[in-house]
Amino acid sequence: TRPYTHSLAGVLFLTLVALVLTRRRAVAAGVATGLIAHLLRDVATGGGVALLWPLTDGAAQVPYLVYAAVTLTLAVAAMLPGRSQRSTPAAAATSSAWRRKSASSASKAS
């Protein structure tokens, strides 16, 4: 079994640390995503992971083929067309500001 830091409690703790240190939800979400991906791989390899520690020390395991299928499915889903970055409010604001600046520079040049 992996160390107790390889548990959902460890993911929660380290995600909260990232949030407190950076005060950015995107960074904390990235930390959580990376840790969960790591745990999923560990569940499929080695002696398993005590995911529910401190509630139980029981090791969770799944066959490697299940892990590989889930990973492949998520990778394909991530590549499917969907919302583009430009559709987010922050991207739209940045794009609008860039267009205004470009238009202003063009009018000064003529």
N, C-alpha and C. Protein backbone atom coordinates (compact mmCIF):
# COMPACT_ATOMS: atom_id res chain seq x y z
N THR A 1 0.84 -1.19 0.00
CA THR A 1 0.00 0.00 0.00
C THR A 1 0.88 1.25 0.00
N ARG A 2 0.42 2.27 -0.68
CA ARG A 2 1.15 3.54 -0.77
C ARG A 2 1.04 4.29 0.57
N PRO A 3 1.86 5.33 0.76
CA PRO A 3 1.77 6.12 2.00
C PRO A 3 0.42 6.83 2.12
N TYR A 4 0.11 7.31 3.31
CA TYR A 4 -1.19 7.93 3.57
C TYR A 4 -1.39 9.24 2.82
N THR A 5 -0.31 9.84 2.35
CA THR A 5 -0.48 11.04 1.52
C THR A 5 -1.18 10.69 0.21
N HIS A 6 -1.17 9.41 -0.15
CA HIS A 6 -1.87 8.93 -1.34
C HIS A 6 -3.30 8.56 -0.95
N SER A 7 -4.07 9.54 -0.52
CA SER A 7 -5.46 9.34 -0.13
C SER A 7 -6.26 10.57 -0.55
N LEU A 8 -7.56 10.46 -0.50
CA LEU A 8 -8.40 11.61 -0.83
C LEU A 8 -8.20 12.74 0.18
N ALA A 9 -7.88 12.37 1.44
CA ALA A 9 -7.59 13.39 2.45
C ALA A 9 -6.31 14.15 2.07
N GLY A 10 -5.33 13.44 1.52
CA GLY A 10 -4.10 14.09 1.07
C GLY A 10 -4.36 15.04 -0.09
N VAL A 11 -5.22 14.62 -1.02
CA VAL A 11 -5.58 15.48 -2.15
C VAL A 11 -6.26 16.74 -1.64
N LEU A 12 -7.20 16.59 -0.73
CA LEU A 12 -7.91 17.74 -0.18
C LEU A 12 -6.96 18.69 0.53
N PHE A 13 -6.07 18.14 1.35
CA PHE A 13 -5.13 18.97 2.09
C PHE A 13 -4.21 19.75 1.15
N LEU A 14 -3.62 19.06 0.18
CA LEU A 14 -2.67 19.73 -0.72
C LEU A 14 -3.38 20.73 -1.64
N THR A 15 -4.62 20.45 -2.00
CA THR A 15 -5.40 21.39 -2.80
C THR A 15 -5.67 22.66 -1.99
N LEU A 16 -6.02 22.50 -0.72
CA LEU A 16 -6.26 23.65 0.14
C LEU A 16 -4.98 24.47 0.35
N VAL A 17 -3.85 23.78 0.49
CA VAL A 17 -2.57 24.48 0.62
C VAL A 17 -2.30 25.31 -0.63
N ALA A 18 -2.53 24.73 -1.80
CA ALA A 18 -2.32 25.46 -3.06
C ALA A 18 -3.25 26.67 -3.14
N LEU A 19 -4.49 26.51 -2.69
CA LEU A 19 -5.45 27.62 -2.73
C LEU A 19 -5.04 28.73 -1.77
N VAL A 20 -4.59 28.37 -0.58
CA VAL A 20 -4.18 29.38 0.40
C VAL A 20 -2.91 30.11 -0.07
N LEU A 21 -1.97 29.37 -0.61
CA LEU A 21 -0.70 29.99 -1.03
C LEU A 21 -0.85 30.87 -2.27
N THR A 22 -1.68 30.44 -3.22
CA THR A 22 -1.78 31.19 -4.48
C THR A 22 -3.03 32.04 -4.57
N ARG A 23 -4.05 31.70 -3.80
CA ARG A 23 -5.36 32.38 -3.86
C ARG A 23 -5.96 32.35 -5.26
N ARG A 24 -5.62 31.32 -6.01
CA ARG A 24 -6.14 31.16 -7.37
C ARG A 24 -6.80 29.79 -7.48
N ARG A 25 -8.09 29.80 -7.76
CA ARG A 25 -8.83 28.54 -7.88
C ARG A 25 -8.30 27.69 -9.03
N ALA A 26 -7.86 28.32 -10.11
CA ALA A 26 -7.36 27.55 -11.25
C ALA A 26 -6.11 26.76 -10.86
N VAL A 27 -5.25 27.34 -10.06
CA VAL A 27 -4.05 26.64 -9.60
C VAL A 27 -4.45 25.48 -8.69
N ALA A 28 -5.35 25.73 -7.76
CA ALA A 28 -5.81 24.67 -6.86
C ALA A 28 -6.49 23.55 -7.65
N ALA A 29 -7.27 23.90 -8.66
CA ALA A 29 -7.92 22.88 -9.50
C ALA A 29 -6.88 22.07 -10.26
N GLY A 30 -5.82 22.72 -10.72
CA GLY A 30 -4.74 22.00 -11.40
C GLY A 30 -4.02 21.04 -10.47
N VAL A 31 -3.79 21.49 -9.24
CA VAL A 31 -3.14 20.62 -8.24
C VAL A 31 -4.03 19.41 -7.97
N ALA A 32 -5.32 19.66 -7.76
CA ALA A 32 -6.25 18.56 -7.49
C ALA A 32 -6.32 17.59 -8.66
N THR A 33 -6.38 18.11 -9.87
CA THR A 33 -6.46 17.25 -11.05
C THR A 33 -5.22 16.38 -11.19
N GLY A 34 -4.06 16.99 -11.00
CA GLY A 34 -2.81 16.23 -11.09
C GLY A 34 -2.71 15.15 -10.02
N LEU A 35 -3.10 15.50 -8.80
CA LEU A 35 -3.03 14.51 -7.71
C LEU A 35 -4.01 13.37 -7.92
N ILE A 36 -5.21 13.69 -8.39
CA ILE A 36 -6.21 12.64 -8.62
C ILE A 36 -5.75 11.73 -9.76
N ALA A 37 -5.18 12.31 -10.81
CA ALA A 37 -4.66 11.49 -11.91
C ALA A 37 -3.55 10.56 -11.39
N HIS A 38 -2.72 11.09 -10.52
CA HIS A 38 -1.65 10.28 -9.93
C HIS A 38 -2.23 9.14 -9.10
N LEU A 39 -3.24 9.45 -8.28
CA LEU A 39 -3.87 8.41 -7.46
C LEU A 39 -4.51 7.34 -8.32
N LEU A 40 -5.18 7.75 -9.39
CA LEU A 40 -5.81 6.77 -10.27
C LEU A 40 -4.79 5.81 -10.87
N ARG A 41 -3.64 6.34 -11.24
CA ARG A 41 -2.59 5.47 -11.76
C ARG A 41 -2.10 4.52 -10.68
N ASP A 42 -1.95 5.04 -9.45
CA ASP A 42 -1.48 4.21 -8.35
C ASP A 42 -2.49 3.13 -7.97
N VAL A 43 -3.77 3.42 -8.15
CA VAL A 43 -4.81 2.43 -7.85
C VAL A 43 -4.67 1.24 -8.81
N ALA A 44 -4.19 1.48 -10.02
CA ALA A 44 -4.06 0.42 -11.02
C ALA A 44 -2.70 -0.27 -11.00
N THR A 45 -1.76 0.25 -10.25
CA THR A 45 -0.43 -0.36 -10.21
C THR A 45 -0.01 -0.57 -8.76
N GLY A 46 0.83 -1.52 -8.54
CA GLY A 46 1.35 -1.76 -7.19
C GLY A 46 0.33 -2.37 -6.25
N GLY A 47 0.51 -2.09 -4.97
CA GLY A 47 -0.31 -2.72 -3.94
C GLY A 47 -1.60 -2.01 -3.62
N GLY A 48 -1.96 -1.02 -4.38
CA GLY A 48 -3.21 -0.31 -4.13
C GLY A 48 -3.00 0.95 -3.30
N VAL A 49 -4.11 1.66 -3.05
CA VAL A 49 -4.06 2.95 -2.37
C VAL A 49 -5.15 2.99 -1.29
N ALA A 50 -4.80 3.47 -0.11
CA ALA A 50 -5.77 3.65 0.97
C ALA A 50 -6.52 4.97 0.72
N LEU A 51 -7.40 4.98 -0.27
CA LEU A 51 -8.08 6.21 -0.68
C LEU A 51 -8.89 6.85 0.45
N LEU A 52 -9.49 6.04 1.29
CA LEU A 52 -10.37 6.57 2.34
C LEU A 52 -9.69 6.74 3.69
N TRP A 53 -8.34 6.72 3.70
CA TRP A 53 -7.65 6.99 4.95
C TRP A 53 -8.01 8.40 5.39
N PRO A 54 -8.29 8.69 6.61
CA PRO A 54 -8.11 7.95 7.86
C PRO A 54 -9.31 7.10 8.27
N LEU A 55 -10.34 7.00 7.45
CA LEU A 55 -11.51 6.19 7.80
C LEU A 55 -11.19 4.71 7.77
N THR A 56 -10.39 4.29 6.79
CA THR A 56 -10.00 2.90 6.69
C THR A 56 -8.64 2.80 6.02
N ASP A 57 -7.91 1.74 6.35
CA ASP A 57 -6.62 1.49 5.73
C ASP A 57 -6.73 0.55 4.53
N GLY A 58 -7.95 0.15 4.19
CA GLY A 58 -8.15 -0.79 3.08
C GLY A 58 -7.64 -0.22 1.77
N ALA A 59 -6.91 -1.03 1.04
CA ALA A 59 -6.32 -0.59 -0.23
C ALA A 59 -7.30 -0.79 -1.37
N ALA A 60 -7.50 0.26 -2.15
CA ALA A 60 -8.34 0.20 -3.34
C ALA A 60 -7.47 -0.17 -4.53
N GLN A 61 -7.98 -1.06 -5.37
CA GLN A 61 -7.26 -1.47 -6.56
C GLN A 61 -8.25 -1.68 -7.71
N VAL A 62 -7.82 -1.41 -8.92
CA VAL A 62 -8.59 -1.73 -10.13
C VAL A 62 -7.61 -2.38 -11.11
N PRO A 63 -8.13 -3.21 -12.00
CA PRO A 63 -7.26 -3.80 -13.02
C PRO A 63 -6.67 -2.71 -13.91
N TYR A 64 -5.44 -2.94 -14.36
CA TYR A 64 -4.76 -1.94 -15.17
C TYR A 64 -5.53 -1.66 -16.46
N LEU A 65 -6.19 -2.65 -17.02
CA LEU A 65 -6.95 -2.47 -18.26
C LEU A 65 -8.09 -1.45 -18.06
N VAL A 66 -8.72 -1.47 -16.89
CA VAL A 66 -9.78 -0.50 -16.59
C VAL A 66 -9.19 0.90 -16.53
N TYR A 67 -8.06 1.04 -15.86
CA TYR A 67 -7.37 2.33 -15.78
C TYR A 67 -7.02 2.83 -17.17
N ALA A 68 -6.46 1.97 -18.00
CA ALA A 68 -6.06 2.37 -19.35
C ALA A 68 -7.27 2.80 -20.18
N ALA A 69 -8.38 2.09 -20.06
CA ALA A 69 -9.59 2.43 -20.81
C ALA A 69 -10.15 3.78 -20.37
N VAL A 70 -10.18 4.03 -19.07
CA VAL A 70 -10.69 5.31 -18.55
C VAL A 70 -9.77 6.45 -19.00
N THR A 71 -8.47 6.24 -18.92
CA THR A 71 -7.51 7.27 -19.34
C THR A 71 -7.66 7.60 -20.82
N LEU A 72 -7.78 6.58 -21.64
CA LEU A 72 -7.95 6.79 -23.08
C LEU A 72 -9.26 7.52 -23.38
N THR A 73 -10.32 7.15 -22.69
CA THR A 73 -11.63 7.81 -22.89
C THR A 73 -11.54 9.29 -22.52
N LEU A 74 -10.92 9.59 -21.40
CA LEU A 74 -10.78 11.00 -20.98
C LEU A 74 -9.92 11.79 -21.95
N ALA A 75 -8.86 11.18 -22.46
CA ALA A 75 -7.99 11.87 -23.42
C ALA A 75 -8.75 12.18 -24.71
N VAL A 76 -9.53 11.22 -25.19
CA VAL A 76 -10.31 11.45 -26.40
C VAL A 76 -11.37 12.52 -26.15
N ALA A 77 -12.03 12.46 -25.01
CA ALA A 77 -13.07 13.45 -24.68
C ALA A 77 -12.47 14.85 -24.60
N ALA A 78 -11.26 14.97 -24.11
CA ALA A 78 -10.61 16.27 -24.01
C ALA A 78 -10.30 16.86 -25.37
N MET A 79 -10.15 16.02 -26.37
CA MET A 79 -9.82 16.50 -27.71
C MET A 79 -11.07 16.81 -28.55
N LEU A 80 -12.25 16.43 -28.08
CA LEU A 80 -13.46 16.68 -28.85
C LEU A 80 -13.73 18.17 -28.94
N PRO A 81 -14.31 18.60 -30.06
CA PRO A 81 -14.62 20.03 -30.17
C PRO A 81 -15.63 20.43 -29.11
N GLY A 82 -15.44 21.59 -28.58
CA GLY A 82 -16.34 22.10 -27.54
C GLY A 82 -16.19 23.58 -27.44
N ARG A 83 -16.38 24.09 -26.27
CA ARG A 83 -16.23 25.53 -26.06
C ARG A 83 -14.80 25.93 -26.33
N SER A 84 -14.65 26.99 -27.09
CA SER A 84 -13.31 27.50 -27.34
C SER A 84 -12.93 28.46 -26.22
N GLN A 85 -11.66 28.75 -26.12
CA GLN A 85 -11.18 29.66 -25.08
C GLN A 85 -11.79 31.04 -25.27
N ARG A 86 -12.06 31.44 -26.50
CA ARG A 86 -12.61 32.76 -26.76
C ARG A 86 -14.01 32.93 -26.19
N SER A 87 -14.67 31.83 -25.86
CA SER A 87 -16.04 31.95 -25.36
C SER A 87 -16.09 32.28 -23.86
N THR A 88 -14.95 32.29 -23.19
CA THR A 88 -14.95 32.64 -21.78
C THR A 88 -14.96 34.16 -21.63
N PRO A 89 -15.56 34.68 -20.57
CA PRO A 89 -15.61 36.14 -20.39
C PRO A 89 -14.22 36.78 -20.36
N ALA A 90 -13.27 36.16 -19.70
CA ALA A 90 -11.93 36.74 -19.62
C ALA A 90 -11.28 36.79 -20.99
N ALA A 91 -11.41 35.72 -21.77
CA ALA A 91 -10.84 35.71 -23.11
C ALA A 91 -11.52 36.73 -24.01
N ALA A 92 -12.84 36.86 -23.88
CA ALA A 92 -13.56 37.85 -24.69
C ALA A 92 -13.11 39.26 -24.35
N ALA A 93 -12.92 39.55 -23.07
CA ALA A 93 -12.47 40.89 -22.65
C ALA A 93 -11.07 41.17 -23.18
N THR A 94 -10.20 40.18 -23.10
CA THR A 94 -8.84 40.35 -23.59
C THR A 94 -8.85 40.57 -25.10
N SER A 95 -9.66 39.79 -25.80
CA SER A 95 -9.75 39.92 -27.25
C SER A 95 -10.30 41.29 -27.65
N SER A 96 -11.32 41.78 -26.92
CA SER A 96 -11.91 43.09 -27.21
C SER A 96 -10.89 44.20 -26.98
N ALA A 97 -10.15 44.11 -25.90
CA ALA A 97 -9.14 45.12 -25.59
C ALA A 97 -8.05 45.13 -26.66
N TRP A 98 -7.66 43.96 -27.14
CA TRP A 98 -6.63 43.87 -28.17
C TRP A 98 -7.13 44.49 -29.48
N ARG A 99 -8.41 44.19 -29.82
CA ARG A 99 -8.97 44.77 -31.05
C ARG A 99 -9.04 46.29 -30.96
N ARG A 100 -9.44 46.83 -29.80
CA ARG A 100 -9.51 48.28 -29.63
C ARG A 100 -8.12 48.90 -29.77
N LYS A 101 -7.12 48.26 -29.18
CA LYS A 101 -5.76 48.77 -29.25
C LYS A 101 -5.26 48.73 -30.71
N SER A 102 -5.55 47.63 -31.40
CA SER A 102 -5.13 47.49 -32.80
C SER A 102 -5.80 48.54 -33.67
N ALA A 103 -7.11 48.78 -33.45
CA ALA A 103 -7.84 49.78 -34.22
C ALA A 103 -7.29 51.17 -33.96
N SER A 104 -6.96 51.45 -32.71
CA SER A 104 -6.42 52.73 -32.33
C SER A 104 -5.06 52.95 -32.98
N SER A 105 -4.23 51.94 -32.99
CA SER A 105 -2.90 52.04 -33.62
C SER A 105 -3.03 52.23 -35.13
N ALA A 106 -3.98 51.55 -35.75
CA ALA A 106 -4.17 51.66 -37.19
C ALA A 106 -4.66 53.05 -37.58
N SER A 107 -5.56 53.63 -36.76
CA SER A 107 -6.08 54.96 -37.09
C SER A 107 -5.00 56.04 -36.89
N LYS A 108 -4.09 55.84 -35.95
CA LYS A 108 -3.00 56.79 -35.74
C LYS A 108 -2.00 56.74 -36.88
N ALA A 109 -1.85 55.53 -37.45
CA ALA A 109 -0.88 55.36 -38.53
C ALA A 109 -1.36 56.01 -39.83
N SER A 110 -2.68 56.15 -40.02
CA SER A 110 -3.18 56.73 -41.27
C SER A 110 -3.40 58.18 -41.14
